[in-house]
């Protein structure tokens, strides 16, 4: 993944300029990549982008559940059902 260097901020600089960084993020909508010891440590994104990613995650979770149900239904045999009376 390519990241523009102007969007990379060392964590020490971020600590000093957090308010301004958040304002810039709100205005531009571009993520801020936080560096610690010259390594990517975290990403700061807008709340809208975060909500969007959470919605996508939820959609994928629904697909995973559907796949599990479909797989189980392929092997389902109603003749093997046990009545509640027998279980009691």
PDB file of N, CA and C in Angstrom:
ATOM      1  N   UNK A   1       0.834  -1.169   0.000  1.00  0.00           N
ATOM      2  CA  UNK A   1       0.000   0.000   0.000  1.00  0.00           C
ATOM      3  C   UNK A   1       0.883   1.239   0.000  1.00  0.00           C
ATOM      4  N   UNK A   2       0.584   2.142  -0.897  1.00  0.00           N
ATOM      5  CA  UNK A   2       1.336   3.385  -0.972  1.00  0.00           C
ATOM      6  C   UNK A   2       0.671   4.451  -0.104  1.00  0.00           C
ATOM      7  N   UNK A   3       1.485   5.143   0.669  1.00  0.00           N
ATOM      8  CA  UNK A   3       0.994   6.188   1.554  1.00  0.00           C
ATOM      9  C   UNK A   3       1.810   7.443   1.290  1.00  0.00           C
ATOM     10  N   UNK A   4       1.113   8.559   1.136  1.00  0.00           N
ATOM     11  CA  UNK A   4       1.815   9.822   0.942  1.00  0.00           C
ATOM     12  C   UNK A   4       2.531  10.209   2.230  1.00  0.00           C
ATOM     13  N   UNK A   5       3.778  10.656   2.097  1.00  0.00           N
ATOM     14  CA  UNK A   5       4.552  11.000   3.286  1.00  0.00           C
ATOM     15  C   UNK A   5       3.964  12.176   4.043  1.00  0.00           C
ATOM     16  N   UNK A   6       3.213  13.049   3.364  1.00  0.00           N
ATOM     17  CA  UNK A   6       2.611  14.175   4.090  1.00  0.00           C
ATOM     18  C   UNK A   6       1.529  13.703   5.062  1.00  0.00           C
ATOM     19  N   UNK A   7       1.034  12.488   4.894  1.00  0.00           N
ATOM     20  CA  UNK A   7       0.020  11.935   5.784  1.00  0.00           C
ATOM     21  C   UNK A   7       0.641  11.121   6.919  1.00  0.00           C
ATOM     22  N   UNK A   8       1.967  10.985   6.922  1.00  0.00           N
ATOM     23  CA  UNK A   8       2.664  10.262   7.989  1.00  0.00           C
ATOM     24  C   UNK A   8       3.105  11.252   9.064  1.00  0.00           C
ATOM     25  N   UNK A   9       2.820  10.896  10.320  1.00  0.00           N
ATOM     26  CA  UNK A   9       3.160  11.782  11.429  1.00  0.00           C
ATOM     27  C   UNK A   9       3.831  10.960  12.526  1.00  0.00           C
ATOM     28  N   UNK A  10       5.031  11.368  12.945  1.00  0.00           N
ATOM     29  CA  UNK A  10       5.640  10.693  14.097  1.00  0.00           C
ATOM     30  C   UNK A  10       4.786  10.918  15.342  1.00  0.00           C
ATOM     31  N   UNK A  11       4.760   9.950  16.205  1.00  0.00           N
ATOM     32  CA  UNK A  11       3.887  10.018  17.369  1.00  0.00           C
ATOM     33  C   UNK A  11       4.230  11.199  18.281  1.00  0.00           C
ATOM     34  N   UNK A  12       5.500  11.554  18.364  1.00  0.00           N
ATOM     35  CA  UNK A  12       5.879  12.695  19.209  1.00  0.00           C
ATOM     36  C   UNK A  12       5.322  13.998  18.641  1.00  0.00           C
ATOM     37  N   UNK A  13       5.337  14.143  17.326  1.00  0.00           N
ATOM     38  CA  UNK A  13       4.768  15.333  16.690  1.00  0.00           C
ATOM     39  C   UNK A  13       3.248  15.340  16.866  1.00  0.00           C
ATOM     40  N   UNK A  14       2.622  14.169  16.754  1.00  0.00           N
ATOM     41  CA  UNK A  14       1.175  14.063  16.939  1.00  0.00           C
ATOM     42  C   UNK A  14       0.769  14.488  18.346  1.00  0.00           C
ATOM     43  N   UNK A  15       1.563  14.109  19.340  1.00  0.00           N
ATOM     44  CA  UNK A  15       1.258  14.481  20.718  1.00  0.00           C
ATOM     45  C   UNK A  15       1.234  16.001  20.880  1.00  0.00           C
ATOM     46  N   UNK A  16       2.115  16.683  20.173  1.00  0.00           N
ATOM     47  CA  UNK A  16       2.206  18.137  20.277  1.00  0.00           C
ATOM     48  C   UNK A  16       1.139  18.842  19.443  1.00  0.00           C
ATOM     49  N   UNK A  17       0.698  18.200  18.354  1.00  0.00           N
ATOM     50  CA  UNK A  17      -0.194  18.861  17.401  1.00  0.00           C
ATOM     51  C   UNK A  17      -1.497  18.082  17.191  1.00  0.00           C
ATOM     52  N   UNK A  18      -1.993  17.436  18.216  1.00  0.00           N
ATOM     53  CA  UNK A  18      -3.164  16.587  18.074  1.00  0.00           C
ATOM     54  C   UNK A  18      -4.389  17.366  17.598  1.00  0.00           C
ATOM     55  N   UNK A  19      -4.653  18.501  18.205  1.00  0.00           N
ATOM     56  CA  UNK A  19      -5.838  19.280  17.835  1.00  0.00           C
ATOM     57  C   UNK A  19      -5.788  19.683  16.367  1.00  0.00           C
ATOM     58  N   UNK A  20      -4.649  20.189  15.922  1.00  0.00           N
ATOM     59  CA  UNK A  20      -4.510  20.608  14.525  1.00  0.00           C
ATOM     60  C   UNK A  20      -4.602  19.410  13.581  1.00  0.00           C
ATOM     61  N   UNK A  21      -4.041  18.294  13.963  1.00  0.00           N
ATOM     62  CA  UNK A  21      -4.100  17.092  13.140  1.00  0.00           C
ATOM     63  C   UNK A  21      -5.537  16.620  12.974  1.00  0.00           C
ATOM     64  N   UNK A  22      -6.312  16.647  14.048  1.00  0.00           N
ATOM     65  CA  UNK A  22      -7.721  16.234  13.989  1.00  0.00           C
ATOM     66  C   UNK A  22      -8.508  17.210  13.113  1.00  0.00           C
ATOM     67  N   UNK A  23      -8.225  18.495  13.226  1.00  0.00           N
ATOM     68  CA  UNK A  23      -8.891  19.481  12.353  1.00  0.00           C
ATOM     69  C   UNK A  23      -8.582  19.200  10.884  1.00  0.00           C
ATOM     70  N   UNK A  24      -7.310  18.965  10.584  1.00  0.00           N
ATOM     71  CA  UNK A  24      -6.924  18.666   9.198  1.00  0.00           C
ATOM     72  C   UNK A  24      -7.608  17.402   8.697  1.00  0.00           C
ATOM     73  N   UNK A  25      -7.700  16.405   9.553  1.00  0.00           N
ATOM     74  CA  UNK A  25      -8.365  15.157   9.198  1.00  0.00           C
ATOM     75  C   UNK A  25      -9.837  15.412   8.899  1.00  0.00           C
ATOM     76  N   UNK A  26     -10.487  16.221   9.712  1.00  0.00           N
ATOM     77  CA  UNK A  26     -11.898  16.541   9.493  1.00  0.00           C
ATOM     78  C   UNK A  26     -12.101  17.288   8.185  1.00  0.00           C
ATOM     79  N   UNK A  27     -11.184  18.198   7.868  1.00  0.00           N
ATOM     80  CA  UNK A  27     -11.299  18.994   6.643  1.00  0.00           C
ATOM     81  C   UNK A  27     -11.011  18.176   5.388  1.00  0.00           C
ATOM     82  N   UNK A  28      -9.945  17.397   5.427  1.00  0.00           N
ATOM     83  CA  UNK A  28      -9.511  16.676   4.223  1.00  0.00           C
ATOM     84  C   UNK A  28     -10.138  15.295   4.081  1.00  0.00           C
ATOM     85  N   UNK A  29     -10.453  14.667   5.203  1.00  0.00           N
ATOM     86  CA  UNK A  29     -10.979  13.308   5.167  1.00  0.00           C
ATOM     87  C   UNK A  29      -9.916  12.259   4.912  1.00  0.00           C
ATOM     88  N   UNK A  30      -8.663  12.687   4.796  1.00  0.00           N
ATOM     89  CA  UNK A  30      -7.562  11.750   4.535  1.00  0.00           C
ATOM     90  C   UNK A  30      -7.024  11.193   5.851  1.00  0.00           C
ATOM     91  N   UNK A  31      -6.755   9.916   5.852  1.00  0.00           N
ATOM     92  CA  UNK A  31      -6.238   9.244   7.038  1.00  0.00           C
ATOM     93  C   UNK A  31      -4.857   9.776   7.400  1.00  0.00           C
ATOM     94  N   UNK A  32      -4.533   9.699   8.684  1.00  0.00           N
ATOM     95  CA  UNK A  32      -3.217  10.079   9.183  1.00  0.00           C
ATOM     96  C   UNK A  32      -2.539   8.807   9.679  1.00  0.00           C
ATOM     97  N   UNK A  33      -1.340   8.563   9.191  1.00  0.00           N
ATOM     98  CA  UNK A  33      -0.590   7.359   9.544  1.00  0.00           C
ATOM     99  C   UNK A  33       0.413   7.724  10.634  1.00  0.00           C
ATOM    100  N   UNK A  34       0.314   7.064  11.756  1.00  0.00           N
ATOM    101  CA  UNK A  34       1.126   7.397  12.919  1.00  0.00           C
ATOM    102  C   UNK A  34       2.331   6.476  12.975  1.00  0.00           C
ATOM    103  N   UNK A  35       3.502   7.098  13.075  1.00  0.00           N
ATOM    104  CA  UNK A  35       4.760   6.359  13.106  1.00  0.00           C
ATOM    105  C   UNK A  35       5.326   6.320  14.524  1.00  0.00           C
ATOM    106  N   UNK A  36       5.852   5.179  14.885  1.00  0.00           N
ATOM    107  CA  UNK A  36       6.566   5.033  16.151  1.00  0.00           C
ATOM    108  C   UNK A  36       7.867   4.327  15.821  1.00  0.00           C
ATOM    109  N   UNK A  37       8.978   4.977  16.111  1.00  0.00           N
ATOM    110  CA  UNK A  37      10.307   4.451  15.763  1.00  0.00           C
ATOM    111  C   UNK A  37      10.401   4.131  14.266  1.00  0.00           C
ATOM    112  N   UNK A  38       9.854   5.033  13.437  1.00  0.00           N
ATOM    113  CA  UNK A  38       9.859   4.926  11.973  1.00  0.00           C
ATOM    114  C   UNK A  38       9.094   3.721  11.437  1.00  0.00           C
ATOM    115  N   UNK A  39       8.224   3.158  12.230  1.00  0.00           N
ATOM    116  CA  UNK A  39       7.375   2.058  11.788  1.00  0.00           C
ATOM    117  C   UNK A  39       5.914   2.471  11.921  1.00  0.00           C
ATOM    118  N   UNK A  40       5.089   2.032  10.967  1.00  0.00           N
ATOM    119  CA  UNK A  40       3.649   2.307  11.058  1.00  0.00           C
ATOM    120  C   UNK A  40       3.113   1.649  12.314  1.00  0.00           C
ATOM    121  N   UNK A  41       2.474   2.455  13.151  1.00  0.00           N
ATOM    122  CA  UNK A  41       1.951   1.937  14.418  1.00  0.00           C
ATOM    123  C   UNK A  41       0.429   1.985  14.458  1.00  0.00           C
ATOM    124  N   UNK A  42      -0.154   3.030  13.847  1.00  0.00           N
ATOM    125  CA  UNK A  42      -1.608   3.186  13.905  1.00  0.00           C
ATOM    126  C   UNK A  42      -2.063   4.092  12.770  1.00  0.00           C
ATOM    127  N   UNK A  43      -3.385   4.116  12.583  1.00  0.00           N
ATOM    128  CA  UNK A  43      -3.985   4.982  11.570  1.00  0.00           C
ATOM    129  C   UNK A  43      -5.124   5.736  12.224  1.00  0.00           C
ATOM    130  N   UNK A  44      -5.158   7.026  11.998  1.00  0.00           N
ATOM    131  CA  UNK A  44      -6.216   7.877  12.514  1.00  0.00           C
ATOM    132  C   UNK A  44      -7.139   8.206  11.342  1.00  0.00           C
ATOM    133  N   UNK A  45      -8.426   7.824  11.478  1.00  0.00           N
ATOM    134  CA  UNK A  45      -9.391   8.050  10.399  1.00  0.00           C
ATOM    135  C   UNK A  45     -10.581   8.834  10.937  1.00  0.00           C
ATOM    136  N   UNK A  46     -11.361   9.398  10.032  1.00  0.00           N
ATOM    137  CA  UNK A  46     -12.547  10.142  10.442  1.00  0.00           C
ATOM    138  C   UNK A  46     -13.583   9.175  11.013  1.00  0.00           C
ATOM    139  N   UNK A  47     -14.496   9.730  11.793  1.00  0.00           N
ATOM    140  CA  UNK A  47     -15.536   8.905  12.377  1.00  0.00           C
ATOM    141  C   UNK A  47     -16.439   8.317  11.294  1.00  0.00           C
ATOM    142  N   UNK A  48     -16.696   9.089  10.235  1.00  0.00           N
ATOM    143  CA  UNK A  48     -17.519   8.586   9.127  1.00  0.00           C
ATOM    144  C   UNK A  48     -16.866   7.365   8.483  1.00  0.00           C
ATOM    145  N   UNK A  49     -15.561   7.451   8.262  1.00  0.00           N
ATOM    146  CA  UNK A  49     -14.840   6.315   7.674  1.00  0.00           C
ATOM    147  C   UNK A  49     -14.882   5.115   8.610  1.00  0.00           C
ATOM    148  N   UNK A  50     -14.738   5.356   9.900  1.00  0.00           N
ATOM    149  CA  UNK A  50     -14.807   4.280  10.891  1.00  0.00           C
ATOM    150  C   UNK A  50     -16.173   3.595  10.849  1.00  0.00           C
ATOM    151  N   UNK A  51     -17.252   4.395  10.824  1.00  0.00           N
ATOM    152  CA  UNK A  51     -18.599   3.827  10.752  1.00  0.00           C
ATOM    153  C   UNK A  51     -18.769   2.994   9.488  1.00  0.00           C
ATOM    154  N   UNK A  52     -18.261   3.500   8.386  1.00  0.00           N
ATOM    155  CA  UNK A  52     -18.354   2.781   7.111  1.00  0.00           C
ATOM    156  C   UNK A  52     -17.639   1.430   7.210  1.00  0.00           C
ATOM    157  N   UNK A  53     -16.463   1.417   7.782  1.00  0.00           N
ATOM    158  CA  UNK A  53     -15.709   0.169   7.929  1.00  0.00           C
ATOM    159  C   UNK A  53     -16.436  -0.808   8.858  1.00  0.00           C
ATOM    160  N   UNK A  54     -17.065  -0.306   9.915  1.00  0.00           N
ATOM    161  CA  UNK A  54     -17.823  -1.174  10.816  1.00  0.00           C
ATOM    162  C   UNK A  54     -19.028  -1.783  10.105  1.00  0.00           C
ATOM    163  N   UNK A  55     -19.696  -0.999   9.242  1.00  0.00           N
ATOM    164  CA  UNK A  55     -20.822  -1.531   8.475  1.00  0.00           C
ATOM    165  C   UNK A  55     -20.356  -2.640   7.534  1.00  0.00           C
ATOM    166  N   UNK A  56     -19.228  -2.428   6.883  1.00  0.00           N
ATOM    167  CA  UNK A  56     -18.674  -3.453   5.985  1.00  0.00           C
ATOM    168  C   UNK A  56     -18.338  -4.715   6.778  1.00  0.00           C
ATOM    169  N   UNK A  57     -17.749  -4.541   7.953  1.00  0.00           N
ATOM    170  CA  UNK A  57     -17.410  -5.684   8.798  1.00  0.00           C
ATOM    171  C   UNK A  57     -18.671  -6.471   9.163  1.00  0.00           C
ATOM    172  N   UNK A  58     -19.746  -5.755   9.471  1.00  0.00           N
ATOM    173  CA  UNK A  58     -20.999  -6.407   9.829  1.00  0.00           C
ATOM    174  C   UNK A  58     -21.579  -7.185   8.648  1.00  0.00           C
ATOM    175  N   UNK A  59     -21.494  -6.613   7.463  1.00  0.00           N
ATOM    176  CA  UNK A  59     -21.976  -7.295   6.258  1.00  0.00           C
ATOM    177  C   UNK A  59     -21.198  -8.590   6.035  1.00  0.00           C
ATOM    178  N   UNK A  60     -19.871  -8.527   6.190  1.00  0.00           N
ATOM    179  CA  UNK A  60     -19.059  -9.734   6.034  1.00  0.00           C
ATOM    180  C   UNK A  60     -19.422 -10.788   7.078  1.00  0.00           C
ATOM    181  N   UNK A  61     -19.716 -10.342   8.282  1.00  0.00           N
ATOM    182  CA  UNK A  61     -20.111 -11.280   9.334  1.00  0.00           C
ATOM    183  C   UNK A  61     -21.409 -11.996   8.951  1.00  0.00           C
ATOM    184  N   UNK A  62     -22.357 -11.261   8.371  1.00  0.00           N
ATOM    185  CA  UNK A  62     -23.614 -11.875   7.929  1.00  0.00           C
ATOM    186  C   UNK A  62     -23.354 -12.912   6.830  1.00  0.00           C
ATOM    187  N   UNK A  63     -22.434 -12.598   5.912  1.00  0.00           N
ATOM    188  CA  UNK A  63     -22.092 -13.560   4.865  1.00  0.00           C
ATOM    189  C   UNK A  63     -21.462 -14.819   5.460  1.00  0.00           C
ATOM    190  N   UNK A  64     -20.594 -14.644   6.449  1.00  0.00           N
ATOM    191  CA  UNK A  64     -19.967 -15.798   7.092  1.00  0.00           C
ATOM    192  C   UNK A  64     -21.018 -16.678   7.770  1.00  0.00           C
ATOM    193  N   UNK A  65     -21.963 -16.045   8.461  1.00  0.00           N
ATOM    194  CA  UNK A  65     -23.027 -16.801   9.122  1.00  0.00           C
ATOM    195  C   UNK A  65     -23.865 -17.541   8.085  1.00  0.00           C
ATOM    196  N   UNK A  66     -24.196 -16.867   6.989  1.00  0.00           N
ATOM    197  CA  UNK A  66     -24.971 -17.505   5.928  1.00  0.00           C
ATOM    198  C   UNK A  66     -24.237 -18.716   5.376  1.00  0.00           C
ATOM    199  N   UNK A  67     -22.944 -18.612   5.164  1.00  0.00           N
ATOM    200  CA  UNK A  67     -22.164 -19.745   4.653  1.00  0.00           C
ATOM    201  C   UNK A  67     -22.165 -20.912   5.635  1.00  0.00           C
ATOM    202  N   UNK A  68     -22.072 -20.606   6.926  1.00  0.00           N
ATOM    203  CA  UNK A  68     -22.109 -21.665   7.940  1.00  0.00           C
ATOM    204  C   UNK A  68     -23.469 -22.362   7.918  1.00  0.00           C
ATOM    205  N   UNK A  69     -24.544 -21.586   7.859  1.00  0.00           N
ATOM    206  CA  UNK A  69     -25.890 -22.160   7.824  1.00  0.00           C
ATOM    207  C   UNK A  69     -26.076 -23.002   6.570  1.00  0.00           C
ATOM    208  N   UNK A  70     -25.644 -22.476   5.412  1.00  0.00           N
ATOM    209  CA  UNK A  70     -25.772 -23.227   4.159  1.00  0.00           C
ATOM    210  C   UNK A  70     -25.018 -24.551   4.226  1.00  0.00           C
ATOM    211  N   UNK A  71     -23.821 -24.537   4.784  1.00  0.00           N
ATOM    212  CA  UNK A  71     -23.022 -25.761   4.906  1.00  0.00           C
ATOM    213  C   UNK A  71     -23.722 -26.774   5.806  1.00  0.00           C
ATOM    214  N   UNK A  72     -24.266 -26.309   6.915  1.00  0.00           N
ATOM    215  CA  UNK A  72     -24.965 -27.210   7.836  1.00  0.00           C
ATOM    216  C   UNK A  72     -26.247 -27.756   7.210  1.00  0.00           C
ATOM    217  N   UNK A  73     -26.937 -26.924   6.432  1.00  0.00           N
ATOM    218  CA  UNK A  73     -28.190 -27.362   5.807  1.00  0.00           C
ATOM    219  C   UNK A  73     -27.934 -28.423   4.732  1.00  0.00           C
ATOM    220  N   UNK A  74     -26.770 -28.405   4.102  1.00  0.00           N
ATOM    221  CA  UNK A  74     -26.437 -29.428   3.112  1.00  0.00           C
ATOM    222  C   UNK A  74     -26.385 -30.814   3.754  1.00  0.00           C
ATOM    223  N   UNK A  75     -25.945 -30.856   5.003  1.00  0.00           N
ATOM    224  CA  UNK A  75     -25.801 -32.128   5.709  1.00  0.00           C
ATOM    225  C   UNK A  75     -27.031 -32.466   6.552  1.00  0.00           C
ATOM    226  N   UNK A  76     -28.013 -31.597   6.564  1.00  0.00           N
ATOM    227  CA  UNK A  76     -29.187 -31.780   7.407  1.00  0.00           C
ATOM    228  C   UNK A  76     -30.062 -32.923   6.890  1.00  0.00           C
ATOM    229  N   UNK A  77     -30.432 -33.794   7.805  1.00  0.00           N
ATOM    230  CA  UNK A  77     -31.310 -34.900   7.481  1.00  0.00           C
ATOM    231  C   UNK A  77     -32.452 -34.907   8.504  1.00  0.00           C
ATOM    232  N   UNK A  78     -33.666 -34.514   8.076  1.00  0.00           N
ATOM    233  CA  UNK A  78     -34.782 -34.445   9.029  1.00  0.00           C
ATOM    234  C   UNK A  78     -35.131 -35.788   9.653  1.00  0.00           C
ATOM    235  N   UNK A  79     -34.749 -36.881   9.011  1.00  0.00           N
ATOM    236  CA  UNK A  79     -35.049 -38.213   9.559  1.00  0.00           C
ATOM    237  C   UNK A  79     -34.252 -38.494  10.829  1.00  0.00           C
ATOM    238  N   UNK A  80     -33.167 -37.768  11.027  1.00  0.00           N
ATOM    239  CA  UNK A  80     -32.327 -37.972  12.208  1.00  0.00           C
ATOM    240  C   UNK A  80     -32.763 -37.108  13.396  1.00  0.00           C
ATOM    241  N   UNK A  81     -33.822 -36.357  13.219  1.00  0.00           N
ATOM    242  CA  UNK A  81     -34.310 -35.505  14.305  1.00  0.00           C
ATOM    243  C   UNK A  81     -34.800 -36.359  15.468  1.00  0.00           C
ATOM    244  N   UNK A  82     -34.618 -35.845  16.660  1.00  0.00           N
ATOM    245  CA  UNK A  82     -35.091 -36.488  17.863  1.00  0.00           C
ATOM    246  C   UNK A  82     -36.157 -35.586  18.467  1.00  0.00           C
ATOM    247  N   UNK A  83     -37.301 -36.158  18.832  1.00  0.00           N
ATOM    248  CA  UNK A  83     -38.383 -35.349  19.377  1.00  0.00           C
ATOM    249  C   UNK A  83     -38.026 -34.880  20.790  1.00  0.00           C
ATOM    250  N   UNK A  84     -38.677 -33.785  21.207  1.00  0.00           N
ATOM    251  CA  UNK A  84     -38.454 -33.275  22.541  1.00  0.00           C
ATOM    252  C   UNK A  84     -38.921 -34.245  23.610  1.00  0.00           C
ATOM    253  N   UNK A  85     -39.935 -34.992  23.303  1.00  0.00           N
ATOM    254  CA  UNK A  85     -40.430 -35.988  24.261  1.00  0.00           C
ATOM    255  C   UNK A  85     -39.367 -37.034  24.557  1.00  0.00           C
ATOM    256  N   UNK A  86     -38.662 -37.478  23.524  1.00  0.00           N
ATOM    257  CA  UNK A  86     -37.611 -38.471  23.732  1.00  0.00           C
ATOM    258  C   UNK A  86     -36.431 -37.885  24.500  1.00  0.00           C
ATOM    259  N   UNK A  87     -36.161 -36.624  24.289  1.00  0.00           N
ATOM    260  CA  UNK A  87     -35.044 -35.982  24.975  1.00  0.00           C
ATOM    261  C   UNK A  87     -35.340 -35.876  26.474  1.00  0.00           C
ATOM    262  N   UNK A  88     -36.583 -35.562  26.794  1.00  0.00           N
ATOM    263  CA  UNK A  88     -36.955 -35.461  28.215  1.00  0.00           C
ATOM    264  C   UNK A  88     -36.908 -36.818  28.852  1.00  0.00           C
TER     265      UNK A  88
END
